[in-house]
Amino acid sequence: MELAGEVTGSENKRWAKCKKCKHTMVIDLIEDVKETKVSLEGIENDDCIKYSPQKSYEIGQSIYHENWNDFGKVVAKEILSNGHKSIAVEFQKSGHKKLIESLTT
């Protein structure tokens, strides 16, 4: 969703528009938009899986990216327009990154 404009007479409400379907709706910035921080503390001690584009991952799973020497947690999954799958990962050092998963060669 992207913010599309203000709602007249309300300082906490905004119009939001879906980037895909273009549907618009009113959202409350205090109630509907809550940023949740993923806890990355101590994940290097968990059962981390080495990242590989060929593997499949679950939301909440801890991974280790060997090339970046960085630990992260899978926060979202999506299917791209080309049919490939991707995961969104919050890393300790690198921040938020999108990576390919379930890649068949």
PDB file of N, CA and C in Angstrom:
ATOM      1  N   MET A   1       0.844  -1.175   0.000  1.00  0.00           N
ATOM      2  CA  MET A   1       0.000   0.000   0.000  1.00  0.00           C
ATOM      3  C   MET A   1       0.893   1.242   0.000  1.00  0.00           C
ATOM      4  N   GLU A   2       0.413   2.275  -0.633  1.00  0.00           N
ATOM      5  CA  GLU A   2       1.109   3.550  -0.589  1.00  0.00           C
ATOM      6  C   GLU A   2       0.106   4.615  -0.168  1.00  0.00           C
ATOM      7  N   LEU A   3       0.589   5.612   0.578  1.00  0.00           N
ATOM      8  CA  LEU A   3      -0.285   6.688   1.015  1.00  0.00           C
ATOM      9  C   LEU A   3      -0.661   7.548  -0.185  1.00  0.00           C
ATOM     10  N   ALA A   4      -1.978   7.838  -0.301  1.00  0.00           N
ATOM     11  CA  ALA A   4      -2.469   8.547  -1.480  1.00  0.00           C
ATOM     12  C   ALA A   4      -3.042   9.922  -1.156  1.00  0.00           C
ATOM     13  N   GLY A   5      -3.211  10.265   0.108  1.00  0.00           N
ATOM     14  CA  GLY A   5      -3.725  11.589   0.453  1.00  0.00           C
ATOM     15  C   GLY A   5      -4.301  11.628   1.854  1.00  0.00           C
ATOM     16  N   GLU A   6      -4.596  12.848   2.304  1.00  0.00           N
ATOM     17  CA  GLU A   6      -5.134  13.050   3.638  1.00  0.00           C
ATOM     18  C   GLU A   6      -6.653  12.953   3.628  1.00  0.00           C
ATOM     19  N   VAL A   7      -7.215  12.573   4.769  1.00  0.00           N
ATOM     20  CA  VAL A   7      -8.660  12.541   4.953  1.00  0.00           C
ATOM     21  C   VAL A   7      -9.047  13.853   5.614  1.00  0.00           C
ATOM     22  N   THR A   8      -9.957  14.589   5.012  1.00  0.00           N
ATOM     23  CA  THR A   8     -10.371  15.890   5.520  1.00  0.00           C
ATOM     24  C   THR A   8     -10.979  15.742   6.909  1.00  0.00           C
ATOM     25  N   GLY A   9     -10.492  16.544   7.867  1.00  0.00           N
ATOM     26  CA  GLY A   9     -11.037  16.555   9.215  1.00  0.00           C
ATOM     27  C   GLY A   9     -10.451  15.523  10.154  1.00  0.00           C
ATOM     28  N   SER A  10      -9.463  14.784   9.729  1.00  0.00           N
ATOM     29  CA  SER A  10      -8.853  13.774  10.597  1.00  0.00           C
ATOM     30  C   SER A  10      -7.348  13.782  10.401  1.00  0.00           C
ATOM     31  N   GLU A  11      -6.623  14.072  11.490  1.00  0.00           N
ATOM     32  CA  GLU A  11      -5.171  14.171  11.360  1.00  0.00           C
ATOM     33  C   GLU A  11      -4.459  12.829  11.363  1.00  0.00           C
ATOM     34  N   ASN A  12      -5.108  11.757  11.871  1.00  0.00           N
ATOM     35  CA  ASN A  12      -4.463  10.449  11.945  1.00  0.00           C
ATOM     36  C   ASN A  12      -4.883   9.495  10.841  1.00  0.00           C
ATOM     37  N   LYS A  13      -5.772   9.911   9.949  1.00  0.00           N
ATOM     38  CA  LYS A  13      -6.247   9.016   8.894  1.00  0.00           C
ATOM     39  C   LYS A  13      -5.747   9.489   7.541  1.00  0.00           C
ATOM     40  N   ARG A  14      -5.440   8.506   6.675  1.00  0.00           N
ATOM     41  CA  ARG A  14      -4.950   8.798   5.326  1.00  0.00           C
ATOM     42  C   ARG A  14      -5.598   7.832   4.346  1.00  0.00           C
ATOM     43  N   TRP A  15      -5.677   8.265   3.090  1.00  0.00           N
ATOM     44  CA  TRP A  15      -6.087   7.370   2.014  1.00  0.00           C
ATOM     45  C   TRP A  15      -4.872   6.546   1.632  1.00  0.00           C
ATOM     46  N   ALA A  16      -5.069   5.239   1.467  1.00  0.00           N
ATOM     47  CA  ALA A  16      -4.001   4.342   1.031  1.00  0.00           C
ATOM     48  C   ALA A  16      -4.475   3.610  -0.210  1.00  0.00           C
ATOM     49  N   LYS A  17      -3.545   3.389  -1.154  1.00  0.00           N
ATOM     50  CA  LYS A  17      -3.885   2.725  -2.413  1.00  0.00           C
ATOM     51  C   LYS A  17      -2.981   1.526  -2.607  1.00  0.00           C
ATOM     52  N   CYS A  18      -3.590   0.390  -2.984  1.00  0.00           N
ATOM     53  CA  CYS A  18      -2.838  -0.820  -3.266  1.00  0.00           C
ATOM     54  C   CYS A  18      -2.085  -0.628  -4.584  1.00  0.00           C
ATOM     55  N   LYS A  19      -0.809  -0.949  -4.584  1.00  0.00           N
ATOM     56  CA  LYS A  19      -0.001  -0.787  -5.798  1.00  0.00           C
ATOM     57  C   LYS A  19      -0.376  -1.782  -6.883  1.00  0.00           C
ATOM     58  N   LYS A  20      -0.934  -2.942  -6.485  1.00  0.00           N
ATOM     59  CA  LYS A  20      -1.296  -3.964  -7.467  1.00  0.00           C
ATOM     60  C   LYS A  20      -2.667  -3.723  -8.077  1.00  0.00           C
ATOM     61  N   CYS A  21      -3.691  -3.685  -7.226  1.00  0.00           N
ATOM     62  CA  CYS A  21      -5.060  -3.638  -7.741  1.00  0.00           C
ATOM     63  C   CYS A  21      -5.641  -2.225  -7.798  1.00  0.00           C
ATOM     64  N   LYS A  22      -4.931  -1.228  -7.254  1.00  0.00           N
ATOM     65  CA  LYS A  22      -5.339   0.177  -7.249  1.00  0.00           C
ATOM     66  C   LYS A  22      -6.543   0.455  -6.348  1.00  0.00           C
ATOM     67  N   HIS A  23      -6.933  -0.510  -5.500  1.00  0.00           N
ATOM     68  CA  HIS A  23      -8.024  -0.321  -4.541  1.00  0.00           C
ATOM     69  C   HIS A  23      -7.594   0.713  -3.506  1.00  0.00           C
ATOM     70  N   THR A  24      -8.495   1.627  -3.129  1.00  0.00           N
ATOM     71  CA  THR A  24      -8.178   2.624  -2.108  1.00  0.00           C
ATOM     72  C   THR A  24      -9.014   2.374  -0.862  1.00  0.00           C
ATOM     73  N   MET A  25      -8.437   2.742   0.285  1.00  0.00           N
ATOM     74  CA  MET A  25      -9.144   2.619   1.549  1.00  0.00           C
ATOM     75  C   MET A  25      -8.566   3.616   2.535  1.00  0.00           C
ATOM     76  N   VAL A  26      -9.346   3.923   3.573  1.00  0.00           N
ATOM     77  CA  VAL A  26      -8.883   4.825   4.621  1.00  0.00           C
ATOM     78  C   VAL A  26      -8.212   3.989   5.698  1.00  0.00           C
ATOM     79  N   ILE A  27      -7.016   4.416   6.112  1.00  0.00           N
ATOM     80  CA  ILE A  27      -6.314   3.724   7.189  1.00  0.00           C
ATOM     81  C   ILE A  27      -6.053   4.700   8.320  1.00  0.00           C
ATOM     82  N   ASP A  28      -6.008   4.193   9.522  1.00  0.00           N
ATOM     83  CA  ASP A  28      -5.684   4.973  10.706  1.00  0.00           C
ATOM     84  C   ASP A  28      -4.201   4.778  10.976  1.00  0.00           C
ATOM     85  N   LEU A  29      -3.428   5.845  10.934  1.00  0.00           N
ATOM     86  CA  LEU A  29      -1.978   5.738  11.084  1.00  0.00           C
ATOM     87  C   LEU A  29      -1.554   5.221  12.451  1.00  0.00           C
ATOM     88  N   ILE A  30      -2.388   5.428  13.455  1.00  0.00           N
ATOM     89  CA  ILE A  30      -2.036   4.969  14.801  1.00  0.00           C
ATOM     90  C   ILE A  30      -2.413   3.504  14.983  1.00  0.00           C
ATOM     91  N   GLU A  31      -3.611   3.118  14.549  1.00  0.00           N
ATOM     92  CA  GLU A  31      -4.099   1.756  14.766  1.00  0.00           C
ATOM     93  C   GLU A  31      -3.633   0.764  13.697  1.00  0.00           C
ATOM     94  N   ASP A  32      -3.683   1.168  12.421  1.00  0.00           N
ATOM     95  CA  ASP A  32      -3.433   0.237  11.323  1.00  0.00           C
ATOM     96  C   ASP A  32      -1.962   0.107  10.943  1.00  0.00           C
ATOM     97  N   VAL A  33      -1.173   1.128  11.178  1.00  0.00           N
ATOM     98  CA  VAL A  33       0.231   1.107  10.763  1.00  0.00           C
ATOM     99  C   VAL A  33       1.099   0.995  12.005  1.00  0.00           C
ATOM    100  N   LYS A  34       1.511  -0.217  12.289  1.00  0.00           N
ATOM    101  CA  LYS A  34       2.376  -0.470  13.433  1.00  0.00           C
ATOM    102  C   LYS A  34       3.630  -1.154  12.928  1.00  0.00           C
ATOM    103  N   GLU A  35       4.756  -0.551  13.188  1.00  0.00           N
ATOM    104  CA  GLU A  35       6.022  -1.135  12.757  1.00  0.00           C
ATOM    105  C   GLU A  35       6.477  -2.140  13.791  1.00  0.00           C
ATOM    106  N   THR A  36       6.698  -3.340  13.349  1.00  0.00           N
ATOM    107  CA  THR A  36       7.162  -4.369  14.266  1.00  0.00           C
ATOM    108  C   THR A  36       8.622  -4.671  13.957  1.00  0.00           C
ATOM    109  N   LYS A  37       9.426  -4.606  14.988  1.00  0.00           N
ATOM    110  CA  LYS A  37      10.846  -4.901  14.854  1.00  0.00           C
ATOM    111  C   LYS A  37      11.072  -6.374  15.150  1.00  0.00           C
ATOM    112  N   VAL A  38      11.853  -7.002  14.306  1.00  0.00           N
ATOM    113  CA  VAL A  38      12.192  -8.405  14.481  1.00  0.00           C
ATOM    114  C   VAL A  38      13.360  -8.492  15.444  1.00  0.00           C
ATOM    115  N   SER A  39      13.250  -9.354  16.425  1.00  0.00           N
ATOM    116  CA  SER A  39      14.338  -9.540  17.369  1.00  0.00           C
ATOM    117  C   SER A  39      15.423 -10.397  16.721  1.00  0.00           C
ATOM    118  N   LEU A  40      16.610  -9.825  16.578  1.00  0.00           N
ATOM    119  CA  LEU A  40      17.735 -10.540  15.978  1.00  0.00           C
ATOM    120  C   LEU A  40      18.770 -10.927  17.024  1.00  0.00           C
ATOM    121  N   GLU A  41      18.448 -10.670  18.279  1.00  0.00           N
ATOM    122  CA  GLU A  41      19.386 -10.933  19.354  1.00  0.00           C
ATOM    123  C   GLU A  41      19.536 -12.431  19.591  1.00  0.00           C
ATOM    124  N   GLY A  42      20.746 -12.903  19.549  1.00  0.00           N
ATOM    125  CA  GLY A  42      21.035 -14.298  19.860  1.00  0.00           C
ATOM    126  C   GLY A  42      20.684 -15.301  18.785  1.00  0.00           C
ATOM    127  N   ILE A  43      20.311 -14.847  17.570  1.00  0.00           N
ATOM    128  CA  ILE A  43      19.912 -15.817  16.550  1.00  0.00           C
ATOM    129  C   ILE A  43      21.093 -16.632  16.032  1.00  0.00           C
ATOM    130  N   GLU A  44      22.302 -16.118  16.201  1.00  0.00           N
ATOM    131  CA  GLU A  44      23.463 -16.875  15.747  1.00  0.00           C
ATOM    132  C   GLU A  44      23.674 -18.123  16.599  1.00  0.00           C
ATOM    133  N   ASN A  45      23.005 -18.202  17.746  1.00  0.00           N
ATOM    134  CA  ASN A  45      23.098 -19.382  18.603  1.00  0.00           C
ATOM    135  C   ASN A  45      21.983 -20.375  18.317  1.00  0.00           C
ATOM    136  N   ASP A  46      20.964 -19.950  17.595  1.00  0.00           N
ATOM    137  CA  ASP A  46      19.854 -20.843  17.247  1.00  0.00           C
ATOM    138  C   ASP A  46      20.303 -21.837  16.181  1.00  0.00           C
ATOM    139  N   ASP A  47      19.391 -22.662  15.756  1.00  0.00           N
ATOM    140  CA  ASP A  47      19.673 -23.599  14.677  1.00  0.00           C
ATOM    141  C   ASP A  47      19.574 -22.884  13.339  1.00  0.00           C
ATOM    142  N   CYS A  48      20.592 -22.112  13.001  1.00  0.00           N
ATOM    143  CA  CYS A  48      20.614 -21.366  11.748  1.00  0.00           C
ATOM    144  C   CYS A  48      20.878 -22.311  10.576  1.00  0.00           C
ATOM    145  N   ILE A  49      20.259 -21.986   9.471  1.00  0.00           N
ATOM    146  CA  ILE A  49      20.464 -22.740   8.233  1.00  0.00           C
ATOM    147  C   ILE A  49      21.302 -21.873   7.308  1.00  0.00           C
ATOM    148  N   LYS A  50      22.313 -22.467   6.671  1.00  0.00           N
ATOM    149  CA  LYS A  50      23.105 -21.722   5.685  1.00  0.00           C
ATOM    150  C   LYS A  50      22.222 -21.383   4.504  1.00  0.00           C
ATOM    151  N   TYR A  51      22.250 -20.107   4.082  1.00  0.00           N
ATOM    152  CA  TYR A  51      21.430 -19.679   2.955  1.00  0.00           C
ATOM    153  C   TYR A  51      21.941 -20.285   1.656  1.00  0.00           C
ATOM    154  N   SER A  52      21.024 -20.772   0.865  1.00  0.00           N
ATOM    155  CA  SER A  52      21.288 -21.227  -0.491  1.00  0.00           C
ATOM    156  C   SER A  52      20.050 -20.906  -1.322  1.00  0.00           C
ATOM    157  N   PRO A  53      20.209 -20.357  -2.522  1.00  0.00           N
ATOM    158  CA  PRO A  53      19.042 -20.031  -3.355  1.00  0.00           C
ATOM    159  C   PRO A  53      18.214 -21.263  -3.727  1.00  0.00           C
ATOM    160  N   GLN A  54      18.796 -22.443  -3.613  1.00  0.00           N
ATOM    161  CA  GLN A  54      18.076 -23.658  -3.962  1.00  0.00           C
ATOM    162  C   GLN A  54      17.165 -24.158  -2.832  1.00  0.00           C
ATOM    163  N   LYS A  55      17.398 -23.708  -1.600  1.00  0.00           N
ATOM    164  CA  LYS A  55      16.612 -24.163  -0.452  1.00  0.00           C
ATOM    165  C   LYS A  55      15.320 -23.364  -0.314  1.00  0.00           C
ATOM    166  N   SER A  56      14.389 -23.929   0.462  1.00  0.00           N
ATOM    167  CA  SER A  56      13.129 -23.270   0.784  1.00  0.00           C
ATOM    168  C   SER A  56      13.143 -22.912   2.267  1.00  0.00           C
ATOM    169  N   TYR A  57      12.522 -21.793   2.634  1.00  0.00           N
ATOM    170  CA  TYR A  57      12.576 -21.287   4.000  1.00  0.00           C
ATOM    171  C   TYR A  57      11.179 -20.957   4.513  1.00  0.00           C
ATOM    172  N   GLU A  58      11.056 -20.900   5.832  1.00  0.00           N
ATOM    173  CA  GLU A  58       9.804 -20.552   6.495  1.00  0.00           C
ATOM    174  C   GLU A  58       9.951 -19.203   7.187  1.00  0.00           C
ATOM    175  N   ILE A  59       8.843 -18.476   7.311  1.00  0.00           N
ATOM    176  CA  ILE A  59       8.857 -17.201   8.035  1.00  0.00           C
ATOM    177  C   ILE A  59       9.231 -17.480   9.487  1.00  0.00           C
ATOM    178  N   GLY A  60      10.151 -16.672  10.012  1.00  0.00           N
ATOM    179  CA  GLY A  60      10.628 -16.843  11.380  1.00  0.00           C
ATOM    180  C   GLY A  60      11.892 -17.665  11.492  1.00  0.00           C
ATOM    181  N   GLN A  61      12.282 -18.309  10.403  1.00  0.00           N
ATOM    182  CA  GLN A  61      13.473 -19.162  10.403  1.00  0.00           C
ATOM    183  C   GLN A  61      14.738 -18.307  10.405  1.00  0.00           C
ATOM    184  N   SER A  62      15.743 -18.734  11.165  1.00  0.00           N
ATOM    185  CA  SER A  62      17.031 -18.048  11.220  1.00  0.00           C
ATOM    186  C   SER A  62      17.946 -18.628  10.147  1.00  0.00           C
ATOM    187  N   ILE A  63      18.621 -17.723   9.421  1.00  0.00           N
ATOM    188  CA  ILE A  63      19.541 -18.174   8.374  1.00  0.00           C
ATOM    189  C   ILE A  63      20.891 -17.476   8.530  1.00  0.00           C
ATOM    190  N   TYR A  64      21.903 -18.102   7.935  1.00  0.00           N
ATOM    191  CA  TYR A  64      23.246 -17.537   7.919  1.00  0.00           C
ATOM    192  C   TYR A  64      23.667 -17.377   6.468  1.00  0.00           C
ATOM    193  N   HIS A  65      24.032 -16.147   6.081  1.00  0.00           N
ATOM    194  CA  HIS A  65      24.496 -15.884   4.716  1.00  0.00           C
ATOM    195  C   HIS A  65      26.021 -15.915   4.751  1.00  0.00           C
ATOM    196  N   GLU A  66      26.583 -16.976   4.208  1.00  0.00           N
ATOM    197  CA  GLU A  66      28.024 -17.217   4.296  1.00  0.00           C
ATOM    198  C   GLU A  66      28.854 -16.128   3.609  1.00  0.00           C
ATOM    199  N   ASN A  67      28.423 -15.663   2.429  1.00  0.00           N
ATOM    200  CA  ASN A  67      29.191 -14.649   1.698  1.00  0.00           C
ATOM    201  C   ASN A  67      29.246 -13.316   2.438  1.00  0.00           C
ATOM    202  N   TRP A  68      28.189 -12.994   3.168  1.00  0.00           N
ATOM    203  CA  TRP A  68      28.133 -11.721   3.900  1.00  0.00           C
ATOM    204  C   TRP A  68      28.571 -11.866   5.349  1.00  0.00           C
ATOM    205  N   ASN A  69      28.781 -13.128   5.799  1.00  0.00           N
ATOM    206  CA  ASN A  69      29.095 -13.402   7.202  1.00  0.00           C
ATOM    207  C   ASN A  69      28.077 -12.702   8.112  1.00  0.00           C
ATOM    208  N   ASP A  70      26.788 -12.974   7.848  1.00  0.00           N
ATOM    209  CA  ASP A  70      25.717 -12.266   8.544  1.00  0.00           C
ATOM    210  C   ASP A  70      24.565 -13.226   8.855  1.00  0.00           C
ATOM    211  N   PHE A  71      23.972 -13.036  10.018  1.00  0.00           N
ATOM    212  CA  PHE A  71      22.823 -13.824  10.451  1.00  0.00           C
ATOM    213  C   PHE A  71      21.554 -13.008  10.261  1.00  0.00           C
ATOM    214  N   GLY A  72      20.465 -13.686   9.907  1.00  0.00           N
ATOM    215  CA  GLY A  72      19.205 -12.987   9.711  1.00  0.00           C
ATOM    216  C   GLY A  72      18.017 -13.871   9.989  1.00  0.00           C
ATOM    217  N   LYS A  73      16.832 -13.242   9.947  1.00  0.00           N
ATOM    218  CA  LYS A  73      15.584 -13.965  10.189  1.00  0.00           C
ATOM    219  C   LYS A  73      14.637 -13.675   9.032  1.00  0.00           C
ATOM    220  N   VAL A  74      14.003 -14.721   8.498  1.00  0.00           N
ATOM    221  CA  VAL A  74      13.046 -14.593   7.399  1.00  0.00           C
ATOM    222  C   VAL A  74      11.789 -13.908   7.940  1.00  0.00           C
ATOM    223  N   VAL A  75      11.403 -12.775   7.312  1.00  0.00           N
ATOM    224  CA  VAL A  75      10.251 -12.018   7.794  1.00  0.00           C
ATOM    225  C   VAL A  75       9.071 -12.060   6.822  1.00  0.00           C
ATOM    226  N   ALA A  76       9.305 -12.452   5.561  1.00  0.00           N
ATOM    227  CA  ALA A  76       8.211 -12.512   4.586  1.00  0.00           C
ATOM    228  C   ALA A  76       8.628 -13.373   3.400  1.00  0.00           C
ATOM    229  N   LYS A  77       7.603 -13.837   2.661  1.00  0.00           N
ATOM    230  CA  LYS A  77       7.827 -14.624   1.444  1.00  0.00           C
ATOM    231  C   LYS A  77       6.921 -14.069   0.365  1.00  0.00           C
ATOM    232  N   GLU A  78       7.362 -14.158  -0.911  1.00  0.00           N
ATOM    233  CA  GLU A  78       6.504 -13.741  -2.014  1.00  0.00           C
ATOM    234  C   GLU A  78       6.889 -14.460  -3.292  1.00  0.00           C
ATOM    235  N   ILE A  79       5.966 -14.463  -4.228  1.00  0.00           N
ATOM    236  CA  ILE A  79       6.227 -15.006  -5.561  1.00  0.00           C
ATOM    237  C   ILE A  79       6.368 -13.818  -6.501  1.00  0.00           C
ATOM    238  N   LEU A  80       7.472 -13.763  -7.212  1.00  0.00           N
ATOM    239  CA  LEU A  80       7.768 -12.647  -8.106  1.00  0.00           C
ATOM    240  C   LEU A  80       6.990 -12.784  -9.416  1.00  0.00           C
ATOM    241  N   SER A  81       6.945 -11.716 -10.185  1.00  0.00           N
ATOM    242  CA  SER A  81       6.191 -11.718 -11.444  1.00  0.00           C
ATOM    243  C   SER A  81       6.725 -12.739 -12.445  1.00  0.00           C
ATOM    244  N   ASN A  82       8.000 -13.122 -12.330  1.00  0.00           N
ATOM    245  CA  ASN A  82       8.568 -14.115 -13.241  1.00  0.00           C
ATOM    246  C   ASN A  82       8.364 -15.545 -12.735  1.00  0.00           C
ATOM    247  N   GLY A  83       7.622 -15.708 -11.626  1.00  0.00           N
ATOM    248  CA  GLY A  83       7.334 -17.027 -11.088  1.00  0.00           C
ATOM    249  C   GLY A  83       8.329 -17.522 -10.054  1.00  0.00           C
ATOM    250  N   HIS A  84       9.457 -16.847  -9.903  1.00  0.00           N
ATOM    251  CA  HIS A  84      10.443 -17.236  -8.893  1.00  0.00           C
ATOM    252  C   HIS A  84       9.928 -16.851  -7.510  1.00  0.00           C
ATOM    253  N   LYS A  85      10.431 -17.537  -6.491  1.00  0.00           N
ATOM    254  CA  LYS A  85      10.058 -17.244  -5.116  1.00  0.00           C
ATOM    255  C   LYS A  85      11.167 -16.438  -4.463  1.00  0.00           C
ATOM    256  N   SER A  86      10.778 -15.543  -3.550  1.00  0.00           N
ATOM    257  CA  SER A  86      11.784 -14.779  -2.818  1.00  0.00           C
ATOM    258  C   SER A  86      11.399 -14.712  -1.344  1.00  0.00           C
ATOM    259  N   ILE A  87      12.405 -14.451  -0.529  1.00  0.00           N
ATOM    260  CA  ILE A  87      12.193 -14.249   0.896  1.00  0.00           C
ATOM    261  C   ILE A  87      12.740 -12.880   1.273  1.00  0.00           C
ATOM    262  N   ALA A  88      12.092 -12.244   2.225  1.00  0.00           N
ATOM    263  CA  ALA A  88      12.605 -11.001   2.803  1.00  0.00           C
ATOM    264  C   ALA A  88      13.251 -11.387   4.120  1.00  0.00           C
ATOM    265  N   VAL A  89      14.485 -10.935   4.309  1.00  0.00           N
ATOM    266  CA  VAL A  89      15.255 -11.305   5.492  1.00  0.00           C
ATOM    267  C   VAL A  89      15.761 -10.037   6.172  1.00  0.00           C
ATOM    268  N   GLU A  90      15.618  -9.995   7.488  1.00  0.00           N
ATOM    269  CA  GLU A  90      16.180  -8.912   8.285  1.00  0.00           C
ATOM    270  C   GLU A  90      17.487  -9.422   8.859  1.00  0.00           C
ATOM    271  N   PHE A  91      18.618  -8.834   8.388  1.00  0.00           N
ATOM    272  CA  PHE A  91      19.947  -9.264   8.823  1.00  0.00           C
ATOM    273  C   PHE A  91      20.469  -8.370   9.940  1.00  0.00           C
ATOM    274  N   GLN A  92      21.359  -8.918  10.759  1.00  0.00           N
ATOM    275  CA  GLN A  92      21.956  -8.166  11.857  1.00  0.00           C
ATOM    276  C   GLN A  92      22.809  -7.004  11.347  1.00  0.00           C
ATOM    277  N   LYS A  93      23.642  -7.235  10.340  1.00  0.00           N
ATOM    278  CA  LYS A  93      24.548  -6.202   9.833  1.00  0.00           C
ATOM    279  C   LYS A  93      24.012  -5.533   8.569  1.00  0.00           C
ATOM    280  N   SER A  94      23.454  -6.315   7.668  1.00  0.00           N
ATOM    281  CA  SER A  94      23.080  -5.832   6.335  1.00  0.00           C
ATOM    282  C   SER A  94      21.692  -5.209   6.261  1.00  0.00           C
ATOM    283  N   GLY A  95      20.883  -5.379   7.301  1.00  0.00           N
ATOM    284  CA  GLY A  95      19.534  -4.827   7.293  1.00  0.00           C
ATOM    285  C   GLY A  95      18.570  -5.687   6.488  1.00  0.00           C
ATOM    286  N   HIS A  96      17.569  -5.043   5.904  1.00  0.00           N
ATOM    287  CA  HIS A  96      16.498  -5.733   5.178  1.00  0.00           C
ATOM    288  C   HIS A  96      16.952  -6.052   3.751  1.00  0.00           C
ATOM    289  N   LYS A  97      16.904  -7.343   3.381  1.00  0.00           N
ATOM    290  CA  LYS A  97      17.311  -7.791   2.041  1.00  0.00           C
ATOM    291  C   LYS A  97      16.299  -8.785   1.506  1.00  0.00           C
ATOM    292  N   LYS A  98      16.168  -8.834   0.169  1.00  0.00           N
ATOM    293  CA  LYS A  98      15.343  -9.843  -0.484  1.00  0.00           C
ATOM    294  C   LYS A  98      16.268 -10.826  -1.175  1.00  0.00           C
ATOM    295  N   LEU A  99      15.979 -12.114  -0.978  1.00  0.00           N
ATOM    296  CA  LEU A  99      16.798 -13.182  -1.548  1.00  0.00           C
ATOM    297  C   LEU A  99      15.927 -14.178  -2.277  1.00  0.00           C
ATOM    298  N   ILE A 100      16.495 -14.826  -3.284  1.00  0.00           N
ATOM    299  CA  ILE A 100      15.791 -15.859  -4.048  1.00  0.00           C
ATOM    300  C   ILE A 100      15.744 -17.152  -3.229  1.00  0.00           C
ATOM    301  N   GLU A 101      14.646 -17.901  -3.340  1.00  0.00           N
ATOM    302  CA  GLU A 101      14.550 -19.211  -2.715  1.00  0.00           C
ATOM    303  C   GLU A 101      13.960 -20.207  -3.710  1.00  0.00           C
ATOM    304  N   SER A 102      14.168 -21.478  -3.419  1.00  0.00           N
ATOM    305  CA  SER A 102      13.604 -22.583  -4.222  1.00  0.00           C
ATOM    306  C   SER A 102      13.950 -22.483  -5.708  1.00  0.00           C
ATOM    307  N   LEU A 103      15.146 -22.003  -6.017  1.00  0.00           N
ATOM    308  CA  LEU A 103      15.583 -21.838  -7.395  1.00  0.00           C
ATOM    309  C   LEU A 103      15.978 -23.197  -7.946  1.00  0.00           C
ATOM    310  N   THR A 104      15.388 -23.574  -9.064  1.00  0.00           N
ATOM    311  CA  THR A 104      15.742 -24.843  -9.708  1.00  0.00           C
ATOM    312  C   THR A 104      16.666 -24.551 -10.884  1.00  0.00           C
ATOM    313  N   THR A 105      17.685 -25.378 -11.000  1.00  0.00           N
ATOM    314  CA  THR A 105      18.652 -25.147 -12.077  1.00  0.00           C
ATOM    315  C   THR A 105      18.472 -26.128 -13.200  1.00  0.00           C
TER     316      THR A 105
END
